[in-house]
N, C-alpha and C. Protein backbone atom coordinates (compact mmCIF):
# COMPACT_ATOMS: atom_id res chain seq x y z
N MET A 1 196.82 254.51 184.58
CA MET A 1 198.13 254.78 185.01
C MET A 1 198.45 255.85 184.00
N CYS A 2 198.92 257.15 184.95
CA CYS A 2 199.62 258.06 184.01
C CYS A 2 200.65 257.73 183.42
N SER A 3 201.47 258.02 182.56
CA SER A 3 202.81 257.67 182.07
C SER A 3 203.90 258.53 182.96
N PRO A 4 204.90 258.43 183.15
CA PRO A 4 206.11 259.06 183.96
C PRO A 4 206.10 260.87 183.35
N ASN A 5 205.89 260.68 182.18
CA ASN A 5 206.01 262.30 181.37
C ASN A 5 204.58 263.24 181.85
N ARG A 6 203.69 262.32 181.98
CA ARG A 6 202.48 263.36 182.01
C ARG A 6 202.31 263.21 183.70
N ARG A 7 202.85 262.12 184.71
CA ARG A 7 202.87 262.52 185.94
C ARG A 7 203.65 263.69 186.20
N SER A 8 204.91 263.60 185.95
CA SER A 8 205.97 264.91 186.44
C SER A 8 205.23 266.05 185.84
N ARG A 9 204.45 266.62 184.75
CA ARG A 9 204.06 267.76 184.45
C ARG A 9 202.91 267.89 185.49
N TRP A 10 201.99 266.99 186.33
CA TRP A 10 201.12 267.20 186.86
C TRP A 10 202.05 267.49 188.28
N TRP A 11 202.86 267.49 188.21
CA TRP A 11 203.72 267.57 189.69
C TRP A 11 204.55 269.12 189.23
N SER A 12 205.03 269.15 188.17
CA SER A 12 205.99 270.04 188.41
C SER A 12 205.58 271.39 188.62
N TRP A 13 204.22 271.56 187.29
CA TRP A 13 203.55 272.87 187.36
C TRP A 13 202.96 273.73 188.32
N PRO A 14 202.51 272.51 189.55
CA PRO A 14 201.80 273.60 190.74
C PRO A 14 202.79 273.44 191.45
N THR A 15 204.19 272.49 191.64
CA THR A 15 205.67 272.91 192.36
C THR A 15 206.37 274.46 192.13
N VAL A 16 206.36 274.04 190.92
CA VAL A 16 207.44 274.90 190.29
C VAL A 16 207.28 276.21 189.27
N GLY A 17 205.72 275.72 188.91
CA GLY A 17 205.72 276.86 187.80
C GLY A 17 205.63 276.19 186.39
N ALA A 18 205.39 277.02 185.34
CA ALA A 18 205.38 276.59 184.27
C ALA A 18 206.79 276.86 183.29
N PRO A 19 207.01 275.84 182.58
CA PRO A 19 208.34 276.25 181.90
C PRO A 19 208.72 277.44 181.69
N ILE A 20 209.96 277.79 181.69
CA ILE A 20 210.55 279.31 180.95
C ILE A 20 210.99 279.07 179.97
N VAL A 21 210.41 279.69 178.49
CA VAL A 21 210.94 279.47 177.49
C VAL A 21 211.83 281.07 177.27
N GLU A 22 213.47 280.45 177.03
CA GLU A 22 213.97 281.60 177.01
C GLU A 22 213.81 282.09 175.54
N THR A 23 214.50 283.74 175.33
CA THR A 23 214.18 284.57 174.43
C THR A 23 215.52 284.97 173.91
N ARG A 24 216.63 285.06 174.45
CA ARG A 24 217.91 285.50 174.09
C ARG A 24 218.49 284.47 172.51
N PRO A 25 218.44 285.38 171.63
CA PRO A 25 218.75 285.22 170.32
C PRO A 25 219.72 284.08 170.43
N PHE A 26 221.02 284.28 171.13
CA PHE A 26 222.06 283.19 170.91
C PHE A 26 221.48 281.85 171.61
N TYR A 27 220.59 281.66 172.23
CA TYR A 27 219.79 280.46 172.73
C TYR A 27 219.64 280.08 171.45
N TRP A 28 218.62 280.70 170.95
CA TRP A 28 218.17 279.87 169.77
C TRP A 28 218.95 279.89 168.70
N LEU A 29 220.06 280.37 168.30
CA LEU A 29 221.41 280.52 167.32
C LEU A 29 222.27 279.02 167.44
N GLY A 30 222.03 278.82 169.07
CA GLY A 30 222.93 277.04 169.94
C GLY A 30 221.84 276.22 169.54
N THR A 31 220.58 276.38 169.39
CA THR A 31 219.76 275.21 169.39
C THR A 31 219.86 274.75 167.92
N LEU A 32 219.99 275.75 167.00
CA LEU A 32 220.09 275.91 165.51
C LEU A 32 221.21 274.98 165.34
N TYR A 33 222.33 275.25 165.89
CA TYR A 33 223.43 274.80 165.50
C TYR A 33 223.68 273.55 166.08
N LEU A 34 223.01 273.05 167.15
CA LEU A 34 223.06 271.56 167.64
C LEU A 34 222.34 270.67 166.71
N GLY A 35 220.92 271.30 166.21
CA GLY A 35 220.19 270.43 165.62
C GLY A 35 220.94 270.55 163.85
N ILE A 36 221.43 271.37 163.49
CA ILE A 36 221.59 271.43 162.04
C ILE A 36 223.53 270.95 161.93
N PHE A 37 224.02 271.40 162.75
CA PHE A 37 225.73 271.20 162.48
C PHE A 37 225.83 269.87 163.51
N ALA A 38 225.53 269.89 164.60
CA ALA A 38 226.22 269.17 165.65
C ALA A 38 225.20 267.51 165.35
N SER A 39 224.45 267.86 165.00
CA SER A 39 223.42 266.25 164.56
C SER A 39 223.44 265.95 163.02
N ALA A 40 222.77 266.64 162.44
CA ALA A 40 222.45 266.21 161.21
C ALA A 40 224.00 265.98 160.45
N VAL A 41 224.88 267.08 160.16
CA VAL A 41 226.01 267.14 159.49
C VAL A 41 226.89 265.97 160.27
N ALA A 42 227.09 266.03 161.69
CA ALA A 42 227.76 265.00 162.13
C ALA A 42 227.52 263.41 161.65
N PHE A 43 226.05 263.17 161.83
CA PHE A 43 225.76 261.87 161.32
C PHE A 43 226.00 261.73 159.92
N THR A 44 225.77 262.70 158.96
CA THR A 44 226.38 262.49 157.66
C THR A 44 227.65 262.21 157.44
N CYS A 45 228.68 262.95 158.50
CA CYS A 45 230.30 262.30 158.14
C CYS A 45 230.18 261.33 158.83
N TYR A 46 229.34 260.27 159.86
CA TYR A 46 229.76 259.16 160.48
C TYR A 46 229.36 258.21 159.62
N PHE A 47 228.16 258.60 158.73
CA PHE A 47 227.92 257.18 157.66
C PHE A 47 228.80 257.40 156.67
N ALA A 48 229.38 258.41 156.35
CA ALA A 48 230.87 258.15 155.41
C ALA A 48 231.66 257.69 155.87
N VAL A 49 232.17 257.60 157.22
CA VAL A 49 233.44 256.92 157.81
C VAL A 49 232.89 255.25 157.50
N ILE A 50 231.47 255.12 158.41
CA ILE A 50 231.17 253.68 158.23
C ILE A 50 231.11 253.12 156.68
N ARG A 51 230.93 253.92 156.02
CA ARG A 51 231.01 253.64 154.55
C ARG A 51 232.66 253.25 153.93
N ALA A 52 233.25 253.82 154.42
CA ALA A 52 234.69 253.84 154.25
C ALA A 52 235.62 253.00 154.84
N VAL A 53 235.12 252.90 156.35
CA VAL A 53 235.87 251.91 157.02
C VAL A 53 235.39 250.75 157.80
N GLY A 54 234.16 250.70 157.51
CA GLY A 54 233.45 249.56 157.92
C GLY A 54 232.49 249.92 159.41
N PRO A 55 231.74 249.62 159.76
CA PRO A 55 230.93 249.73 160.95
C PRO A 55 231.92 249.16 162.35
N ALA A 56 232.44 248.37 162.38
CA ALA A 56 233.45 248.01 163.56
C ALA A 56 234.48 248.58 163.53
N VAL A 57 235.22 249.17 162.82
CA VAL A 57 236.17 250.31 163.19
C VAL A 57 235.69 251.62 163.63
N ALA A 58 234.50 252.09 162.65
CA ALA A 58 233.77 253.49 163.26
C ALA A 58 233.31 253.37 164.87
N ALA A 59 233.03 252.48 165.09
CA ALA A 59 232.68 252.02 166.18
C ALA A 59 233.55 252.45 167.33
N TYR A 60 234.65 252.44 166.97
CA TYR A 60 235.79 252.88 167.87
C TYR A 60 236.07 254.23 168.12
N SER A 61 235.33 254.79 167.23
CA SER A 61 235.46 256.85 167.50
C SER A 61 234.70 256.68 168.57
N SER A 62 233.93 256.19 169.36
CA SER A 62 232.90 256.59 170.32
C SER A 62 233.72 256.50 171.73
N VAL A 63 235.24 255.92 171.86
CA VAL A 63 235.83 255.89 172.67
C VAL A 63 236.38 257.29 172.91
N LEU A 64 236.82 258.12 171.72
CA LEU A 64 237.75 259.10 171.47
C LEU A 64 236.36 260.45 172.05
N THR A 65 235.22 260.26 172.07
CA THR A 65 234.18 261.25 171.96
C THR A 65 234.64 262.12 173.55
N PRO A 66 234.60 261.37 174.68
CA PRO A 66 234.63 261.96 175.94
C PRO A 66 236.05 262.79 175.89
N ILE A 67 237.24 261.95 175.44
CA ILE A 67 238.99 262.51 175.32
C ILE A 67 238.46 263.83 174.72
N LEU A 68 238.14 263.75 173.45
CA LEU A 68 237.90 265.33 172.46
C LEU A 68 237.30 265.72 173.49
N ALA A 69 236.02 266.05 173.58
CA ALA A 69 235.20 266.88 174.47
C ALA A 69 236.02 267.32 175.87
N MET A 70 236.82 266.84 176.76
CA MET A 70 237.58 267.24 177.36
C MET A 70 238.57 268.08 177.18
N LEU A 71 239.23 267.73 176.00
CA LEU A 71 240.40 268.74 175.53
C LEU A 71 239.67 269.92 174.85
N LEU A 72 238.22 269.95 174.07
CA LEU A 72 237.52 271.02 173.80
C LEU A 72 237.43 271.94 175.06
N SER A 73 236.88 271.76 176.20
CA SER A 73 236.47 272.02 176.97
C SER A 73 237.83 272.63 177.99
N THR A 74 238.87 271.84 177.43
CA THR A 74 240.00 272.51 178.44
C THR A 74 240.17 273.84 177.41
N LEU A 75 240.40 273.95 176.30
CA LEU A 75 240.58 275.06 175.48
C LEU A 75 239.85 276.00 175.23
N PHE A 76 238.43 275.92 175.78
CA PHE A 76 237.37 276.81 175.87
C PHE A 76 236.65 277.30 177.16
N GLU A 77 236.76 276.20 177.84
CA GLU A 77 236.22 276.60 178.89
C GLU A 77 236.96 276.64 180.19
N ASP A 78 238.00 276.32 180.10
CA ASP A 78 239.05 276.54 181.46
C ASP A 78 239.46 274.88 182.39
N TYR A 79 238.40 273.96 181.61
CA TYR A 79 238.54 272.72 182.48
C TYR A 79 239.73 272.52 182.70
N ARG A 80 239.95 272.02 184.05
CA ARG A 80 241.36 271.36 184.93
C ARG A 80 241.36 269.75 184.95
N TRP A 81 241.89 269.33 184.17
CA TRP A 81 242.10 267.67 184.34
C TRP A 81 242.71 267.57 185.71
N SER A 82 241.98 266.12 185.96
CA SER A 82 242.37 265.64 187.25
C SER A 82 243.04 264.79 187.10
N TRP A 83 243.87 263.87 187.80
CA TRP A 83 244.62 263.00 187.11
C TRP A 83 244.15 261.59 187.19
N LEU A 84 242.53 261.57 187.63
CA LEU A 84 241.51 260.61 187.45
C LEU A 84 241.19 260.95 185.93
N ALA A 85 240.78 261.65 185.54
CA ALA A 85 240.48 262.06 184.11
C ALA A 85 241.54 261.87 183.34
N GLY A 86 242.96 261.94 183.36
CA GLY A 86 243.97 261.72 182.46
C GLY A 86 244.26 260.15 182.60
N ALA A 87 244.25 259.71 183.63
CA ALA A 87 244.31 258.05 183.72
C ALA A 87 243.58 257.52 183.10
N GLY A 88 241.94 258.07 183.09
CA GLY A 88 241.07 257.39 182.16
C GLY A 88 241.13 257.50 180.61
N GLY A 89 241.84 258.64 180.52
CA GLY A 89 242.16 259.01 179.12
C GLY A 89 243.17 258.14 178.70
N VAL A 90 243.95 257.86 179.46
CA VAL A 90 245.21 256.83 178.86
C VAL A 90 244.50 255.41 178.76
N VAL A 91 243.67 254.98 179.80
CA VAL A 91 243.16 253.77 179.50
C VAL A 91 242.45 253.25 178.32
N ALA A 92 241.68 254.52 177.98
CA ALA A 92 240.77 254.39 176.79
C ALA A 92 241.49 254.56 175.74
N LEU A 93 242.31 255.32 175.56
CA LEU A 93 243.37 255.39 174.66
C LEU A 93 244.04 254.06 174.34
N SER A 94 244.47 253.49 175.26
CA SER A 94 245.24 252.17 175.50
C SER A 94 244.44 251.09 175.08
N GLY A 95 243.19 250.82 175.30
CA GLY A 95 242.34 250.34 174.86
C GLY A 95 241.81 249.81 173.64
N LEU A 96 242.13 251.16 173.12
CA LEU A 96 241.29 251.84 171.87
C LEU A 96 242.65 251.35 170.66
N LEU A 97 243.74 251.42 171.17
CA LEU A 97 245.16 250.89 170.65
C LEU A 97 245.30 249.60 170.61
N ILE A 98 244.95 248.50 171.67
CA ILE A 98 244.87 247.47 171.33
C ILE A 98 243.98 246.80 170.46
N ALA A 99 242.53 247.49 170.48
CA ALA A 99 241.35 246.63 169.96
C ALA A 99 241.96 246.88 168.29
N LEU A 100 242.47 248.12 168.13
CA LEU A 100 242.40 248.33 166.48
C LEU A 100 243.81 247.76 165.89
N SER A 101 244.53 247.20 166.89
CA SER A 101 245.95 246.69 166.54
C SER A 101 245.44 245.02 166.74
N ALA A 102 244.81 244.69 167.24
CA ALA A 102 244.29 243.07 167.06
C ALA A 102 244.43 242.30 165.94
N PRO A 103 244.77 241.14 165.63
CA PRO A 103 244.48 240.76 164.02
C PRO A 103 242.85 240.39 163.92
N ARG A 104 242.52 240.36 162.60
CA ARG A 104 241.34 240.60 161.99
C ARG A 104 241.33 238.81 161.72
N PRO A 105 239.76 238.25 162.37
CA PRO A 105 239.89 237.12 161.70
C PRO A 105 239.66 236.66 159.99
N ALA A 106 240.10 235.60 159.95
CA ALA A 106 239.95 235.54 158.30
C ALA A 106 238.50 234.88 158.27
N THR A 107 238.20 235.65 156.87
CA THR A 107 236.99 235.09 156.76
C THR A 107 236.85 234.35 155.60
N LYS A 108 235.84 233.53 155.24
CA LYS A 108 235.27 232.64 154.35
C LYS A 108 235.30 233.09 152.92
N SER A 109 235.39 232.77 151.60
CA SER A 109 235.39 232.99 150.82
C SER A 109 234.63 232.54 149.97
N GLY A 110 233.61 232.48 149.39
CA GLY A 110 232.64 231.72 148.60
C GLY A 110 231.91 230.81 149.59
């Protein structure tokens, strides 16, 4: 039996043709940026945050990712906020504040 990837290759080439390889320099510069800065540097910084505040608190930063992405998209891509997106951001931030302000359980020493 063929794997899904191999099966799609057999289907896509005859039906839509060979993949198109992009040749514009900005495409490749963007790919390099994503590989170097948006991945390697970001993970290195995230691991530094984990060392500084611990994995439990650092995990809460993932709640901010979609909100930050929408804010950046508003600045650079003219994203228009809907009431549902705004309400989702408020709910996410409220949940984050509740989670971060919850009392920590006491740990046993020794």
